[in-house]
Amino acid sequence: MKNKHQLTLEFANLEINTNTREVTRNGQPIDLRKKEYELLEFLARNKDRVLNRLTILEYVWDYTTSIKTNTLEVHIAALRKKIDTENSRQIFQTIRGYGYKLCDAADPSLSEFEA
């Protein structure tokens, strides 16, 4: 992934153009809704870091607004469906009881979070 001041974030055959808000994986365009894009960009800027649910909600949804408790899960599921296709390596990792991580491959060292 490139510096946050550059226009394109690259990760696991995923490219995010932060200027045009266009996303591609393996060269194929991916159509995302506004919040899906914002969530993906936030996770990409923090790749390989485990982010707790509250941090994500505060950043992407400005948690002071009233949102349903499953909003984050619904958006992660939508991103998985659009980005983690069966022909692509899975990049969204759930850290049960804690949050999420965008990673190149499953990291077995995170099992302590998955109690």
N, C-alpha and C. Protein backbone atom coordinates (compact mmCIF):
# COMPACT_ATOMS: atom_id res chain seq x y z
N MET A 1 0.85 -1.17 0.00
CA MET A 1 0.00 0.00 0.00
C MET A 1 0.89 1.23 0.00
N LYS A 2 0.46 2.25 -0.71
CA LYS A 2 1.27 3.45 -0.83
C LYS A 2 0.95 4.44 0.28
N ASN A 3 1.74 5.48 0.36
CA ASN A 3 1.55 6.55 1.32
C ASN A 3 0.15 7.12 1.22
N LYS A 4 -0.43 7.52 2.36
CA LYS A 4 -1.81 8.00 2.37
C LYS A 4 -2.01 9.28 1.57
N HIS A 5 -0.95 10.00 1.25
CA HIS A 5 -1.08 11.22 0.47
C HIS A 5 -1.07 10.95 -1.03
N GLN A 6 -0.74 9.74 -1.43
CA GLN A 6 -0.77 9.39 -2.83
C GLN A 6 -2.19 9.02 -3.22
N LEU A 7 -2.46 9.03 -4.50
CA LEU A 7 -3.81 8.83 -4.99
C LEU A 7 -4.27 7.38 -5.03
N THR A 8 -3.35 6.42 -5.10
CA THR A 8 -3.75 5.04 -5.25
C THR A 8 -3.20 4.19 -4.10
N LEU A 9 -4.10 3.43 -3.48
CA LEU A 9 -3.72 2.45 -2.48
C LEU A 9 -3.72 1.10 -3.18
N GLU A 10 -2.66 0.31 -3.01
CA GLU A 10 -2.57 -0.99 -3.65
C GLU A 10 -2.33 -2.05 -2.60
N PHE A 11 -3.08 -3.16 -2.74
CA PHE A 11 -2.99 -4.22 -1.76
C PHE A 11 -3.64 -5.48 -2.30
N ALA A 12 -2.93 -6.59 -2.32
CA ALA A 12 -3.47 -7.90 -2.71
C ALA A 12 -4.28 -7.83 -4.01
N ASN A 13 -3.68 -7.32 -5.06
CA ASN A 13 -4.35 -7.16 -6.36
C ASN A 13 -5.57 -6.25 -6.30
N LEU A 14 -5.65 -5.45 -5.27
CA LEU A 14 -6.74 -4.49 -5.09
C LEU A 14 -6.15 -3.10 -5.26
N GLU A 15 -6.79 -2.29 -6.07
CA GLU A 15 -6.34 -0.91 -6.26
C GLU A 15 -7.49 0.02 -5.92
N ILE A 16 -7.19 1.02 -5.10
CA ILE A 16 -8.17 2.00 -4.69
C ILE A 16 -7.66 3.37 -5.10
N ASN A 17 -8.34 4.01 -6.04
CA ASN A 17 -7.97 5.35 -6.46
C ASN A 17 -8.73 6.31 -5.56
N THR A 18 -8.01 6.97 -4.64
CA THR A 18 -8.67 7.83 -3.67
C THR A 18 -9.13 9.16 -4.26
N ASN A 19 -8.66 9.48 -5.45
CA ASN A 19 -9.10 10.70 -6.11
C ASN A 19 -10.44 10.49 -6.80
N THR A 20 -10.55 9.38 -7.54
CA THR A 20 -11.79 9.11 -8.30
C THR A 20 -12.73 8.16 -7.55
N ARG A 21 -12.24 7.56 -6.45
CA ARG A 21 -13.01 6.59 -5.65
C ARG A 21 -13.34 5.34 -6.46
N GLU A 22 -12.49 5.00 -7.41
CA GLU A 22 -12.66 3.79 -8.21
C GLU A 22 -11.86 2.67 -7.57
N VAL A 23 -12.44 1.48 -7.56
CA VAL A 23 -11.81 0.31 -6.96
C VAL A 23 -11.76 -0.80 -8.00
N THR A 24 -10.61 -1.46 -8.11
CA THR A 24 -10.48 -2.62 -9.00
C THR A 24 -9.76 -3.73 -8.24
N ARG A 25 -10.08 -4.96 -8.60
CA ARG A 25 -9.33 -6.12 -8.09
C ARG A 25 -9.04 -7.01 -9.27
N ASN A 26 -7.78 -7.37 -9.43
CA ASN A 26 -7.33 -8.14 -10.58
C ASN A 26 -7.74 -7.44 -11.88
N GLY A 27 -7.73 -6.10 -11.87
CA GLY A 27 -8.06 -5.32 -13.06
C GLY A 27 -9.55 -5.17 -13.33
N GLN A 28 -10.39 -5.81 -12.54
CA GLN A 28 -11.84 -5.73 -12.74
C GLN A 28 -12.44 -4.66 -11.84
N PRO A 29 -13.24 -3.74 -12.41
CA PRO A 29 -13.85 -2.69 -11.60
C PRO A 29 -14.86 -3.27 -10.60
N ILE A 30 -14.91 -2.67 -9.43
CA ILE A 30 -15.84 -3.09 -8.39
C ILE A 30 -16.70 -1.88 -8.03
N ASP A 31 -18.00 -2.04 -8.16
CA ASP A 31 -18.94 -0.96 -7.86
C ASP A 31 -19.28 -0.99 -6.37
N LEU A 32 -18.93 0.07 -5.67
CA LEU A 32 -19.19 0.15 -4.23
C LEU A 32 -20.09 1.33 -3.91
N ARG A 33 -20.90 1.14 -2.89
CA ARG A 33 -21.70 2.25 -2.35
C ARG A 33 -20.78 3.15 -1.54
N LYS A 34 -21.27 4.34 -1.20
CA LYS A 34 -20.44 5.34 -0.52
C LYS A 34 -19.81 4.79 0.77
N LYS A 35 -20.60 4.22 1.66
CA LYS A 35 -20.07 3.72 2.93
C LYS A 35 -19.20 2.49 2.74
N GLU A 36 -19.51 1.66 1.76
CA GLU A 36 -18.64 0.52 1.47
C GLU A 36 -17.26 1.01 1.07
N TYR A 37 -17.22 2.04 0.21
CA TYR A 37 -15.95 2.61 -0.21
C TYR A 37 -15.19 3.19 0.98
N GLU A 38 -15.88 3.98 1.81
CA GLU A 38 -15.23 4.61 2.96
C GLU A 38 -14.67 3.56 3.92
N LEU A 39 -15.42 2.49 4.14
CA LEU A 39 -14.96 1.41 5.01
C LEU A 39 -13.74 0.72 4.40
N LEU A 40 -13.79 0.41 3.12
CA LEU A 40 -12.66 -0.24 2.46
C LEU A 40 -11.42 0.64 2.50
N GLU A 41 -11.58 1.91 2.21
CA GLU A 41 -10.42 2.81 2.23
C GLU A 41 -9.81 2.88 3.63
N PHE A 42 -10.64 2.97 4.66
CA PHE A 42 -10.14 3.02 6.03
C PHE A 42 -9.38 1.74 6.39
N LEU A 43 -9.95 0.59 6.03
CA LEU A 43 -9.26 -0.67 6.30
C LEU A 43 -7.96 -0.77 5.51
N ALA A 44 -7.96 -0.31 4.27
CA ALA A 44 -6.75 -0.36 3.44
C ALA A 44 -5.66 0.55 3.98
N ARG A 45 -6.03 1.69 4.47
CA ARG A 45 -5.04 2.61 5.05
C ARG A 45 -4.45 2.04 6.34
N ASN A 46 -5.14 1.08 6.93
CA ASN A 46 -4.69 0.45 8.17
C ASN A 46 -4.44 -1.04 7.98
N LYS A 47 -4.06 -1.43 6.77
CA LYS A 47 -3.88 -2.85 6.47
C LYS A 47 -2.93 -3.51 7.46
N ASP A 48 -3.18 -4.78 7.70
CA ASP A 48 -2.39 -5.60 8.61
C ASP A 48 -2.49 -5.13 10.07
N ARG A 49 -3.43 -4.24 10.37
CA ARG A 49 -3.69 -3.83 11.76
C ARG A 49 -5.07 -4.32 12.14
N VAL A 50 -5.20 -4.86 13.33
CA VAL A 50 -6.50 -5.26 13.83
C VAL A 50 -7.20 -4.00 14.34
N LEU A 51 -8.37 -3.72 13.78
CA LEU A 51 -9.14 -2.53 14.17
C LEU A 51 -10.38 -2.98 14.91
N ASN A 52 -10.61 -2.40 16.09
CA ASN A 52 -11.80 -2.79 16.82
C ASN A 52 -13.04 -2.13 16.23
N ARG A 53 -14.18 -2.71 16.54
CA ARG A 53 -15.44 -2.25 15.96
C ARG A 53 -15.69 -0.78 16.24
N LEU A 54 -15.45 -0.34 17.47
CA LEU A 54 -15.73 1.05 17.84
C LEU A 54 -14.87 2.02 17.03
N THR A 55 -13.61 1.71 16.85
CA THR A 55 -12.73 2.57 16.04
C THR A 55 -13.27 2.71 14.62
N ILE A 56 -13.68 1.60 14.03
CA ILE A 56 -14.21 1.63 12.67
C ILE A 56 -15.51 2.43 12.62
N LEU A 57 -16.40 2.17 13.56
CA LEU A 57 -17.68 2.90 13.59
C LEU A 57 -17.47 4.39 13.78
N GLU A 58 -16.56 4.78 14.66
CA GLU A 58 -16.29 6.20 14.89
C GLU A 58 -15.74 6.87 13.64
N TYR A 59 -14.83 6.20 12.94
CA TYR A 59 -14.20 6.81 11.78
C TYR A 59 -15.13 6.83 10.56
N VAL A 60 -15.75 5.71 10.25
CA VAL A 60 -16.54 5.61 9.02
C VAL A 60 -17.94 6.19 9.18
N TRP A 61 -18.55 5.97 10.34
CA TRP A 61 -19.94 6.40 10.51
C TRP A 61 -20.10 7.57 11.47
N ASP A 62 -19.02 8.12 11.99
CA ASP A 62 -19.12 9.17 13.00
C ASP A 62 -20.11 8.70 14.06
N TYR A 63 -19.67 7.74 14.84
CA TYR A 63 -20.50 6.96 15.75
C TYR A 63 -21.51 7.77 16.57
N THR A 64 -21.38 9.09 16.58
CA THR A 64 -22.36 9.90 17.30
C THR A 64 -23.73 9.84 16.64
N THR A 65 -23.75 9.45 15.37
CA THR A 65 -25.03 9.29 14.69
C THR A 65 -25.67 7.99 15.15
N SER A 66 -26.98 7.90 15.01
CA SER A 66 -27.63 6.66 15.44
C SER A 66 -27.60 5.66 14.29
N ILE A 67 -26.90 4.57 14.51
CA ILE A 67 -26.82 3.50 13.52
C ILE A 67 -27.20 2.20 14.20
N LYS A 68 -27.65 1.26 13.42
CA LYS A 68 -28.01 -0.03 13.97
C LYS A 68 -26.74 -0.80 14.32
N THR A 69 -26.86 -1.67 15.31
CA THR A 69 -25.68 -2.37 15.81
C THR A 69 -25.05 -3.30 14.79
N ASN A 70 -25.81 -3.77 13.82
CA ASN A 70 -25.23 -4.70 12.83
C ASN A 70 -24.79 -4.00 11.54
N THR A 71 -24.77 -2.70 11.53
CA THR A 71 -24.39 -1.95 10.32
C THR A 71 -23.01 -2.34 9.83
N LEU A 72 -22.05 -2.42 10.72
CA LEU A 72 -20.68 -2.76 10.32
C LEU A 72 -20.64 -4.16 9.71
N GLU A 73 -21.28 -5.12 10.34
CA GLU A 73 -21.28 -6.50 9.84
C GLU A 73 -21.91 -6.59 8.45
N VAL A 74 -23.00 -5.84 8.25
CA VAL A 74 -23.68 -5.84 6.95
C VAL A 74 -22.75 -5.29 5.87
N HIS A 75 -22.04 -4.22 6.17
CA HIS A 75 -21.13 -3.62 5.19
C HIS A 75 -19.91 -4.50 4.92
N ILE A 76 -19.38 -5.14 5.96
CA ILE A 76 -18.26 -6.07 5.75
C ILE A 76 -18.71 -7.23 4.87
N ALA A 77 -19.91 -7.76 5.12
CA ALA A 77 -20.43 -8.86 4.31
C ALA A 77 -20.59 -8.44 2.85
N ALA A 78 -21.06 -7.21 2.62
CA ALA A 78 -21.22 -6.70 1.26
C ALA A 78 -19.86 -6.58 0.57
N LEU A 79 -18.85 -6.07 1.29
CA LEU A 79 -17.51 -5.95 0.72
C LEU A 79 -16.91 -7.32 0.41
N ARG A 80 -17.11 -8.28 1.31
CA ARG A 80 -16.60 -9.63 1.06
C ARG A 80 -17.22 -10.21 -0.21
N LYS A 81 -18.51 -10.01 -0.36
CA LYS A 81 -19.22 -10.54 -1.53
C LYS A 81 -18.68 -9.92 -2.82
N LYS A 82 -18.37 -8.63 -2.78
CA LYS A 82 -17.92 -7.92 -3.99
C LYS A 82 -16.42 -8.09 -4.25
N ILE A 83 -15.62 -8.23 -3.19
CA ILE A 83 -14.17 -8.20 -3.34
C ILE A 83 -13.53 -9.57 -3.15
N ASP A 84 -13.96 -10.31 -2.15
CA ASP A 84 -13.39 -11.63 -1.88
C ASP A 84 -14.14 -12.70 -2.67
N THR A 85 -13.97 -12.66 -3.98
CA THR A 85 -14.64 -13.65 -4.82
C THR A 85 -13.93 -14.99 -4.70
N GLU A 86 -14.55 -16.04 -5.16
CA GLU A 86 -13.94 -17.36 -5.02
C GLU A 86 -12.64 -17.50 -5.79
N ASN A 87 -12.40 -16.64 -6.77
CA ASN A 87 -11.16 -16.69 -7.54
C ASN A 87 -10.05 -15.81 -6.96
N SER A 88 -10.36 -15.12 -5.88
CA SER A 88 -9.39 -14.21 -5.27
C SER A 88 -9.03 -14.67 -3.87
N ARG A 89 -7.85 -14.30 -3.45
CA ARG A 89 -7.42 -14.56 -2.07
C ARG A 89 -8.30 -13.72 -1.14
N GLN A 90 -8.73 -14.31 -0.04
CA GLN A 90 -9.58 -13.62 0.93
C GLN A 90 -8.75 -12.59 1.70
N ILE A 91 -9.18 -11.34 1.71
CA ILE A 91 -8.40 -10.31 2.39
C ILE A 91 -9.07 -9.76 3.64
N PHE A 92 -10.36 -10.04 3.83
CA PHE A 92 -11.05 -9.56 5.03
C PHE A 92 -10.98 -10.64 6.10
N GLN A 93 -10.44 -10.28 7.26
CA GLN A 93 -10.34 -11.23 8.35
C GLN A 93 -11.14 -10.71 9.54
N THR A 94 -12.01 -11.55 10.09
CA THR A 94 -12.77 -11.21 11.28
C THR A 94 -11.98 -11.67 12.49
N ILE A 95 -11.81 -10.78 13.44
CA ILE A 95 -11.19 -11.11 14.70
C ILE A 95 -12.34 -11.17 15.71
N ARG A 96 -12.85 -12.37 15.92
CA ARG A 96 -14.07 -12.57 16.70
C ARG A 96 -13.98 -11.91 18.07
N GLY A 97 -15.04 -11.18 18.40
CA GLY A 97 -15.09 -10.50 19.68
C GLY A 97 -14.30 -9.21 19.73
N TYR A 98 -13.68 -8.82 18.60
CA TYR A 98 -12.85 -7.62 18.60
C TYR A 98 -13.13 -6.71 17.42
N GLY A 99 -12.89 -7.20 16.20
CA GLY A 99 -13.05 -6.33 15.04
C GLY A 99 -12.63 -6.99 13.75
N TYR A 100 -11.93 -6.23 12.91
CA TYR A 100 -11.59 -6.70 11.57
C TYR A 100 -10.17 -6.29 11.20
N LYS A 101 -9.68 -6.98 10.18
CA LYS A 101 -8.34 -6.71 9.67
C LYS A 101 -8.35 -6.98 8.18
N LEU A 102 -7.69 -6.14 7.42
CA LEU A 102 -7.48 -6.36 5.99
C LEU A 102 -6.07 -6.92 5.86
N CYS A 103 -5.95 -8.13 5.32
CA CYS A 103 -4.63 -8.76 5.27
C CYS A 103 -4.47 -9.58 4.01
N ASP A 104 -3.21 -9.83 3.66
CA ASP A 104 -2.88 -10.63 2.48
C ASP A 104 -3.25 -12.08 2.64
N ALA A 105 -3.12 -12.60 3.84
CA ALA A 105 -3.45 -14.01 4.10
C ALA A 105 -3.82 -14.15 5.57
N ALA A 106 -4.50 -15.23 5.90
CA ALA A 106 -4.87 -15.47 7.30
C ALA A 106 -3.62 -15.50 8.16
N ASP A 107 -3.68 -14.86 9.29
CA ASP A 107 -2.54 -14.77 10.19
C ASP A 107 -2.81 -15.62 11.43
N PRO A 108 -2.21 -16.80 11.53
CA PRO A 108 -2.49 -17.67 12.66
C PRO A 108 -2.08 -17.09 14.00
N SER A 109 -1.22 -16.08 14.01
CA SER A 109 -0.79 -15.48 15.28
C SER A 109 -1.91 -14.69 15.93
N LEU A 110 -3.01 -14.47 15.23
CA LEU A 110 -4.11 -13.71 15.81
C LEU A 110 -5.10 -14.57 16.58
N SER A 111 -4.81 -15.83 16.76
CA SER A 111 -5.76 -16.72 17.41
C SER A 111 -6.09 -16.26 18.83
N GLU A 112 -5.23 -15.48 19.47
CA GLU A 112 -5.52 -14.99 20.80
C GLU A 112 -6.74 -14.08 20.81
N PHE A 113 -7.04 -13.42 19.70
CA PHE A 113 -8.20 -12.55 19.61
C PHE A 113 -9.47 -13.34 19.33
N GLU A 114 -9.34 -14.56 18.84
CA GLU A 114 -10.47 -15.33 18.38
C GLU A 114 -10.98 -16.31 19.42
N ALA A 115 -11.04 -15.87 20.65
CA ALA A 115 -11.50 -16.73 21.74
C ALA A 115 -13.00 -16.94 21.67
